[in-house]
C-alpha atoms as a PDB file:
ATOM      1  CA  MET A   1     261.168-212.655 -15.985  1.00  0.00           C
ATOM      2  CA  VAL A   2     259.350-215.240 -18.381  1.00  0.00           C
ATOM      3  CA  ARG A   3     259.176-212.537 -21.036  1.00  0.00           C
ATOM      4  CA  ILE A   4     263.021-212.051 -20.849  1.00  0.00           C
ATOM      5  CA  LEU A   5     263.681-215.787 -20.947  1.00  0.00           C
ATOM      6  CA  VAL A   6     261.429-216.258 -23.968  1.00  0.00           C
ATOM      7  CA  ILE A   7     263.206-213.440 -25.660  1.00  0.00           C
ATOM      8  CA  LEU A   8     266.680-214.772 -24.954  1.00  0.00           C
ATOM      9  CA  LEU A   9     265.525-218.343 -26.130  1.00  0.00           C
ATOM     10  CA  ALA A  10     264.385-216.711 -29.408  1.00  0.00           C
ATOM     11  CA  LEU A  11     267.636-214.819 -29.847  1.00  0.00           C
ATOM     12  CA  ALA A  12     269.841-217.758 -29.096  1.00  0.00           C
ATOM     13  CA  PRO A  13     270.036-219.283 -32.597  1.00  0.00           C
ATOM     14  CA  LEU A  14     270.872-215.880 -34.100  1.00  0.00           C
ATOM     15  CA  LEU A  15     273.636-215.339 -31.499  1.00  0.00           C
ATOM     16  CA  VAL A  16     275.050-218.864 -32.143  1.00  0.00           C
ATOM     17  CA  SER A  17     275.046-218.116 -35.954  1.00  0.00           C
ATOM     18  CA  ALA A  18     276.827-214.839 -35.526  1.00  0.00           C
ATOM     19  CA  GLN A  19     279.454-216.495 -33.399  1.00  0.00           C
ATOM     20  CA  LYS A  20     280.078-219.335 -36.054  1.00  0.00           C
ATOM     21  CA  LYS A  21     280.333-216.519 -38.698  1.00  0.00           C
ATOM     22  CA  ARG A  22     282.933-214.658 -36.691  1.00  0.00           C
ATOM     23  CA  ALA A  23     284.942-217.637 -35.812  1.00  0.00           C
ATOM     24  CA  PHE A  24     284.862-218.773 -39.530  1.00  0.00           C
ATOM     25  CA  ALA A  25     285.937-215.299 -40.661  1.00  0.00           C
ATOM     26  CA  ALA A  26     288.654-215.266 -37.958  1.00  0.00           C
ATOM     27  CA  GLY A  27     290.066-218.408 -39.507  1.00  0.00           C
ATOM     28  CA  THR A  28     290.013-217.253 -43.217  1.00  0.00           C
ATOM     29  CA  PRO A  29     292.353-214.708 -44.969  1.00  0.00           C
ATOM     30  CA  LYS A  30     291.153-211.212 -45.544  1.00  0.00           C
ATOM     31  CA  GLY A  31     289.362-210.540 -49.027  1.00  0.00           C
ATOM     32  CA  PRO A  32     286.830-212.245 -50.985  1.00  0.00           C
ATOM     33  CA  PRO A  33     286.612-215.914 -50.691  1.00  0.00           C
ATOM     34  CA  CYS A  34     288.102-218.075 -53.363  1.00  0.00           C
ATOM     35  CA  SER A  35     290.335-215.138 -54.647  1.00  0.00           C
ATOM     36  CA  SER A  36     293.720-216.803 -54.032  1.00  0.00           C
ATOM     37  CA  SER A  37     296.020-217.551 -57.025  1.00  0.00           C
ATOM     38  CA  GLY A  38     295.174-221.153 -56.582  1.00  0.00           C
ATOM     39  CA  HIS A  39     291.425-220.530 -57.319  1.00  0.00           C
ATOM     40  CA  HIS A  40     292.393-219.029 -60.668  1.00  0.00           C
ATOM     41  CA  GLN A  41     294.656-221.767 -61.897  1.00  0.00           C
ATOM     42  CA  PHE A  42     292.114-223.307 -63.918  1.00  0.00           C
ATOM     43  CA  ASP A  43     290.584-220.171 -65.328  1.00  0.00           C
ATOM     44  CA  PHE A  44     292.025-220.727 -68.694  1.00  0.00           C
ATOM     45  CA  TRP A  45     289.600-223.419 -69.361  1.00  0.00           C
ATOM     46  CA  VAL A  46     286.549-221.037 -68.634  1.00  0.00           C
ATOM     47  CA  GLY A  47     284.676-220.170 -71.846  1.00  0.00           C
ATOM     48  CA  ASP A  48     282.464-221.459 -74.538  1.00  0.00           C
ATOM     49  CA  TRP A  49     284.232-224.048 -76.784  1.00  0.00           C
ATOM     50  CA  GLU A  50     283.963-226.020 -80.016  1.00  0.00           C
ATOM     51  CA  VAL A  51     285.669-229.322 -79.546  1.00  0.00           C
ATOM     52  CA  GLN A  52     287.392-231.288 -82.311  1.00  0.00           C
ATOM     53  CA  THR A  53     289.592-234.420 -82.427  1.00  0.00           C
ATOM     54  CA  PRO A  54     293.262-233.708 -83.438  1.00  0.00           C
ATOM     55  CA  LYS A  55     292.137-234.777 -87.029  1.00  0.00           C
ATOM     56  CA  GLY A  56     289.532-232.081 -87.124  1.00  0.00           C
ATOM     57  CA  THR A  57     286.369-234.415 -86.591  1.00  0.00           C
ATOM     58  CA  PRO A  58     283.768-232.478 -84.372  1.00  0.00           C
ATOM     59  CA  ALA A  59     283.681-234.098 -80.913  1.00  0.00           C
ATOM     60  CA  GLY A  60     281.124-231.699 -79.280  1.00  0.00           C
ATOM     61  CA  VAL A  61     280.677-228.562 -77.488  1.00  0.00           C
ATOM     62  CA  ASN A  62     281.601-227.430 -73.963  1.00  0.00           C
ATOM     63  CA  LYS A  63     280.485-224.484 -71.664  1.00  0.00           C
ATOM     64  CA  VAL A  64     282.782-224.047 -68.734  1.00  0.00           C
ATOM     65  CA  GLU A  65     281.814-221.201 -66.295  1.00  0.00           C
ATOM     66  CA  LYS A  66     282.780-219.919 -62.905  1.00  0.00           C
ATOM     67  CA  ILE A  67     279.970-220.377 -60.361  1.00  0.00           C
ATOM     68  CA  LEU A  68     279.512-219.808 -56.459  1.00  0.00           C
ATOM     69  CA  GLU A  69     281.337-216.375 -56.559  1.00  0.00           C
ATOM     70  CA  GLY A  70     284.192-217.960 -58.197  1.00  0.00           C
ATOM     71  CA  CYS A  71     284.749-220.895 -55.799  1.00  0.00           C
ATOM     72  CA  ALA A  72     283.747-223.447 -58.410  1.00  0.00           C
ATOM     73  CA  ILE A  73     283.737-224.089 -62.293  1.00  0.00           C
ATOM     74  CA  ARG A  74     280.936-225.966 -63.885  1.00  0.00           C
ATOM     75  CA  GLU A  75     281.441-227.725 -67.116  1.00  0.00           C
ATOM     76  CA  THR A  76     278.542-228.662 -69.342  1.00  0.00           C
ATOM     77  CA  TRP A  77     279.502-231.074 -72.125  1.00  0.00           C
ATOM     78  CA  THR A  78     277.471-232.236 -75.060  1.00  0.00           C
ATOM     79  CA  ALA A  79     279.168-234.640 -77.478  1.00  0.00           C
ATOM     80  CA  SER A  80     278.557-234.892 -81.162  1.00  0.00           C
ATOM     81  CA  ASP A  81     276.428-237.919 -80.654  1.00  0.00           C
ATOM     82  CA  GLY A  82     274.229-235.989 -78.169  1.00  0.00           C
ATOM     83  CA  SER A  83     275.513-237.579 -75.157  1.00  0.00           C
ATOM     84  CA  HIS A  84     276.227-235.186 -72.398  1.00  0.00           C
ATOM     85  CA  GLY A  85     277.762-234.767 -68.813  1.00  0.00           C
ATOM     86  CA  THR A  86     278.606-232.167 -66.340  1.00  0.00           C
ATOM     87  CA  SER A  87     281.447-231.608 -63.939  1.00  0.00           C
ATOM     88  CA  ILE A  88     282.061-229.362 -60.876  1.00  0.00           C
ATOM     89  CA  SER A  89     285.698-228.473 -60.093  1.00  0.00           C
ATOM     90  CA  SER A  90     286.965-226.623 -57.130  1.00  0.00           C
ATOM     91  CA  TYR A  91     290.145-225.710 -55.697  1.00  0.00           C
ATOM     92  CA  ASP A  92     290.664-226.957 -52.032  1.00  0.00           C
ATOM     93  CA  ALA A  93     292.961-224.167 -50.695  1.00  0.00           C
ATOM     94  CA  PRO A  94     294.161-225.737 -47.367  1.00  0.00           C
ATOM     95  CA  ALA A  95     294.944-229.090 -49.406  1.00  0.00           C
ATOM     96  CA  GLY A  96     296.496-227.064 -52.284  1.00  0.00           C
ATOM     97  CA  ARG A  97     294.889-229.320 -54.791  1.00  0.00           C
ATOM     98  CA  TRP A  98     291.894-229.255 -57.254  1.00  0.00           C
ATOM     99  CA  THR A  99     289.001-231.766 -57.177  1.00  0.00           C
ATOM    100  CA  GLN A 100     286.742-232.722 -60.035  1.00  0.00           C
ATOM    101  CA  THR A 101     283.469-234.709 -60.156  1.00  0.00           C
ATOM    102  CA  PHE A 102     282.187-235.609 -63.611  1.00  0.00           C
ATOM    103  CA  VAL A 103     278.965-237.337 -64.062  1.00  0.00           C
ATOM    104  CA  ASP A 104     277.292-238.200 -67.557  1.00  0.00           C
ATOM    105  CA  ASP A 105     274.013-239.370 -68.953  1.00  0.00           C
ATOM    106  CA  MET A 106     275.340-242.997 -68.884  1.00  0.00           C
ATOM    107  CA  GLY A 107     275.592-243.004 -65.108  1.00  0.00           C
ATOM    108  CA  MET A 108     279.478-242.702 -65.213  1.00  0.00           C
ATOM    109  CA  VAL A 109     280.981-240.908 -62.193  1.00  0.00           C
ATOM    110  CA  LEU A 110     284.633-239.836 -62.335  1.00  0.00           C
ATOM    111  CA  VAL A 111     286.235-238.128 -59.222  1.00  0.00           C
ATOM    112  CA  LEU A 112     289.646-236.619 -59.939  1.00  0.00           C
ATOM    113  CA  GLU A 113     292.122-234.594 -58.117  1.00  0.00           C
ATOM    114  CA  GLY A 114     295.447-233.000 -58.710  1.00  0.00           C
ATOM    115  CA  ASP A 115     297.120-229.622 -59.488  1.00  0.00           C
ATOM    116  CA  LEU A 116     298.649-227.431 -62.002  1.00  0.00           C
ATOM    117  CA  ARG A 117     302.097-228.626 -63.136  1.00  0.00           C
ATOM    118  CA  ASP A 118     304.331-226.829 -65.674  1.00  0.00           C
ATOM    119  CA  GLY A 119     301.225-224.995 -67.342  1.00  0.00           C
ATOM    120  CA  ARG A 120     299.169-228.259 -67.346  1.00  0.00           C
ATOM    121  CA  MET A 121     296.140-229.055 -65.205  1.00  0.00           C
ATOM    122  CA  ILE A 122     296.601-232.695 -64.289  1.00  0.00           C
ATOM    123  CA  LEU A 123     293.817-234.452 -62.588  1.00  0.00           C
ATOM    124  CA  SER A 124     293.705-238.179 -61.763  1.00  0.00           C
ATOM    125  CA  GLY A 125     291.521-240.679 -59.805  1.00  0.00           C
ATOM    126  CA  ARG A 126     290.459-244.353 -59.660  1.00  0.00           C
ATOM    127  CA  ARG A 127     287.324-246.012 -60.944  1.00  0.00           C
ATOM    128  CA  SER A 128     286.304-249.680 -60.486  1.00  0.00           C
ATOM    129  CA  GLY A 129     286.985-251.662 -63.804  1.00  0.00           C
ATOM    130  CA  PRO A 130     285.957-255.078 -64.836  1.00  0.00           C
ATOM    131  CA  ARG A 131     286.049-257.894 -62.286  1.00  0.00           C
ATOM    132  CA  GLY A 132     286.831-255.780 -59.409  1.00  0.00           C
ATOM    133  CA  SER A 133     289.907-254.156 -60.971  1.00  0.00           C
ATOM    134  CA  SER A 134     290.932-250.604 -60.383  1.00  0.00           C
ATOM    135  CA  ILE A 135     291.549-248.346 -63.295  1.00  0.00           C
ATOM    136  CA  LEU A 136     293.580-245.334 -62.890  1.00  0.00           C
ATOM    137  CA  ASN A 137     292.181-242.249 -64.869  1.00  0.00           C
ATOM    138  CA  ARG A 138     294.188-239.116 -65.800  1.00  0.00           C
ATOM    139  CA  ILE A 139     293.082-235.972 -67.526  1.00  0.00           C
ATOM    140  CA  ILE A 140     295.382-233.356 -68.735  1.00  0.00           C
ATOM    141  CA  TRP A 141     294.399-229.901 -69.906  1.00  0.00           C
ATOM    142  CA  GLN A 142     297.133-227.798 -71.624  1.00  0.00           C
ATOM    143  CA  LYS A 143     296.757-224.302 -73.269  1.00  0.00           C
ATOM    144  CA  VAL A 144     298.046-224.416 -76.938  1.00  0.00           C
ATOM    145  CA  GLU A 145     298.558-221.707 -79.471  1.00  0.00           C
ATOM    146  CA  GLY A 146     295.670-219.808 -80.924  1.00  0.00           C
ATOM    147  CA  ASP A 147     293.532-219.619 -77.632  1.00  0.00           C
ATOM    148  CA  ARG A 148     292.974-223.381 -77.802  1.00  0.00           C
ATOM    149  CA  ILE A 149     293.389-226.190 -75.201  1.00  0.00           C
ATOM    150  CA  ARG A 150     294.333-229.712 -75.594  1.00  0.00           C
ATOM    151  CA  GLN A 151     292.568-232.234 -73.316  1.00  0.00           C
ATOM    152  CA  ARG A 152     293.931-235.776 -73.107  1.00  0.00           C
ATOM    153  CA  TRP A 153     291.952-238.486 -71.058  1.00  0.00           C
ATOM    154  CA  GLU A 154     293.978-241.518 -70.480  1.00  0.00           C
ATOM    155  CA  GLN A 155     293.535-244.836 -68.455  1.00  0.00           C
ATOM    156  CA  SER A 156     296.055-247.340 -66.842  1.00  0.00           C
ATOM    157  CA  PRO A 157     295.259-250.631 -65.462  1.00  0.00           C
ATOM    158  CA  ASP A 158     298.611-250.943 -63.788  1.00  0.00           C
ATOM    159  CA  ASP A 159     299.130-247.964 -61.492  1.00  0.00           C
ATOM    160  CA  GLY A 160     300.530-245.582 -64.426  1.00  0.00           C
ATOM    161  CA  LYS A 161     303.016-247.844 -65.926  1.00  0.00           C
ATOM    162  CA  ASN A 162     301.114-247.919 -69.158  1.00  0.00           C
ATOM    163  CA  TRP A 163     298.532-245.498 -70.460  1.00  0.00           C
ATOM    164  CA  THR A 164     295.905-245.980 -73.032  1.00  0.00           C
ATOM    165  CA  LEU A 165     294.472-242.754 -74.694  1.00  0.00           C
ATOM    166  CA  LEU A 166     290.558-242.699 -74.426  1.00  0.00           C
ATOM    167  CA  PHE A 167     289.881-239.261 -75.664  1.00  0.00           C
ATOM    168  CA  GLU A 168     291.871-236.337 -77.017  1.00  0.00           C
ATOM    169  CA  GLY A 169     290.244-233.102 -77.832  1.00  0.00           C
ATOM    170  CA  ILE A 170     291.295-229.614 -79.131  1.00  0.00           C
ATOM    171  CA  TYR A 171     289.059-226.919 -77.569  1.00  0.00           C
ATOM    172  CA  THR A 172     288.740-223.853 -79.679  1.00  0.00           C
ATOM    173  CA  ARG A 173     287.089-220.720 -78.098  1.00  0.00           C
ATOM    174  CA  LYS A 174     283.847-219.809 -79.780  1.00  0.00           C
ATOM    175  CA  LYS A 175     283.844-216.263 -81.391  1.00  0.00           C
ATOM    176  CA  ALA A 176     281.460-214.020 -79.627  1.00  0.00           C
END
């Protein structure tokens, strides 16, 4: 009897784990995880890129890749001056929106969320500004002719009434 009790106690964590997996699977759609059309909305950004300002000045390079079985996109950015940063973007299917967390080598953290509208990925979020103010940030990615992407990063101190352009880059896909 003691032996059966010991065996049952040893198997209990495995049984609980199997029940959790079955319960999770029952609540999710059939097919591979992260395969919905929403999960592919930002695929146009995936690739290896040379980045320039609109005037043609080199701004840096960017590697954007799918990770975690396609459930997230990782960006690795290196600016022309050697500074660098990275972001993780993912689609929150139940909420129907994208979330991105960007961190750079200066300690800046920027958390954005939004969605694809009229062919443009538009993500926005607030950061603390000077003297306790709140600054609204908005980054827009848009495909343009020639397998390129335009990215605009804007800030607003007045809840979007007025915007200041912080960065505009033209991404050109590197040749293989």
